[in-house]
Each structure stands twice: as C-alpha cells, then as structure tokens.
Protein backbone atom coordinates (compact mmCIF):
# COMPACT_ATOMS: atom_id res chain seq x y z
CA ILE A 1 -41.70 56.60 15.37
CA ALA A 2 -40.78 54.91 12.11
CA GLN A 3 -43.48 54.73 9.47
CA ALA A 4 -44.34 51.40 7.92
CA PRO A 5 -42.90 51.08 4.42
CA VAL A 6 -45.35 51.65 1.60
CA ARG A 7 -46.33 48.44 -0.14
CA GLN A 8 -44.95 48.33 -3.67
CA ASP A 9 -47.51 47.08 -6.19
CA ASP A 10 -47.16 46.03 -9.83
CA LEU A 11 -48.36 49.27 -11.41
CA LYS A 12 -48.25 47.62 -14.84
CA MET A 13 -51.52 45.91 -13.88
CA ILE A 14 -53.19 49.27 -14.53
CA SER A 15 -54.24 49.55 -18.16
CA GLY A 16 -52.07 52.17 -19.86
CA VAL A 17 -49.06 51.69 -17.57
CA GLY A 18 -46.12 49.87 -19.13
CA PRO A 19 -42.61 49.28 -17.79
CA GLY A 20 -41.32 52.72 -18.77
CA LEU A 21 -44.21 54.60 -17.22
CA GLU A 22 -44.10 52.41 -14.13
CA LYS A 23 -40.43 53.43 -13.67
CA LYS A 24 -41.31 57.12 -14.05
CA LEU A 25 -44.08 56.79 -11.47
CA GLN A 26 -41.75 54.97 -9.06
CA ASP A 27 -39.11 57.67 -9.52
CA ALA A 28 -41.82 60.21 -8.60
CA GLY A 29 -42.61 58.24 -5.43
CA ILE A 30 -45.77 56.52 -6.69
CA VAL A 31 -45.36 52.81 -5.96
CA SER A 32 -48.75 51.53 -4.79
CA TYR A 33 -52.35 51.21 -5.90
CA ALA A 34 -53.36 53.03 -2.70
CA GLN A 35 -51.32 56.07 -3.72
CA ILE A 36 -52.95 56.16 -7.15
CA ALA A 37 -56.44 55.63 -5.72
CA ALA A 38 -55.91 58.60 -3.38
CA LEU A 39 -54.65 61.09 -6.00
CA THR A 40 -56.19 64.54 -5.83
CA ASP A 41 -56.97 66.60 -8.93
CA ALA A 42 -53.91 68.76 -8.21
CA GLU A 43 -51.67 65.69 -7.90
CA ILE A 44 -53.09 64.28 -11.14
CA THR A 45 -52.29 67.54 -12.94
CA GLU A 46 -48.78 67.53 -11.46
CA LEU A 47 -48.13 63.93 -12.55
CA GLU A 48 -49.53 64.44 -16.03
CA THR A 49 -47.54 67.63 -16.54
CA ASN A 50 -44.19 66.66 -15.03
CA VAL A 51 -43.99 62.86 -15.07
CA ILE A 52 -46.32 61.27 -17.59
CA LYS A 53 -46.24 64.15 -20.12
CA PHE A 54 -49.74 63.17 -21.32
CA ALA A 55 -52.60 65.42 -20.20
CA GLY A 56 -55.84 63.67 -19.32
CA ARG A 57 -54.44 60.15 -19.32
CA ILE A 58 -55.07 59.29 -15.66
CA LYS A 59 -58.76 60.15 -15.80
CA ARG A 60 -59.27 58.89 -19.36
CA ASP A 61 -57.86 55.46 -18.46
CA ASP A 62 -59.56 55.56 -15.02
CA TRP A 63 -56.38 54.79 -13.10
CA ILE A 64 -58.10 55.63 -9.81
CA GLY A 65 -60.92 53.18 -10.48
CA GLN A 66 -58.52 50.51 -11.67
CA ALA A 67 -56.26 50.98 -8.64
CA THR A 68 -59.26 50.75 -6.31
CA GLN A 69 -60.35 47.47 -7.93
CA LEU A 70 -56.82 46.05 -7.77
CA MET A 71 -56.59 46.88 -4.06
CA ALA A 72 -59.79 44.89 -3.47
CA GLN A 73 -58.35 41.75 -5.05
C-alpha cells in the first residue's frame, strides 16, 4: 500500500530557519511542521550535530513549540 506523501510546509516560518537551513532540513528529509513537532531528543541531537551544526538551537528557539502552533493555524 502506498503511503500518502508528506505535506511540505514552509519551514522558514519557524523563527531561526532561513532559506539555507530550510534546504539542509529538506535534504535531511525534514519537510513538514509535523516532523519537527514530533522530533525526539535523539533526533534533535542528530540534526544539530550533522545537519544544523549548531548545538542547542532547536530547543533554544523552541522549534517544536513553533511547529505545533503553525500546524494549528
């Protein structure tokens, strides 16, 4: 059974995410607010270490909270 495609959101709506970082996230397979809202601590560490190259940024900028609010809009 084919899975429904993941909705692609404008990740730049999250404070701290610009065009360059949005591209890096997309290249890592992160394309939706739902994916960001569901990140585990291990996934956050992986992203910050290997993709973002900025430790603590996701929690500091509250990406999960922002993504959750954006999904509700």
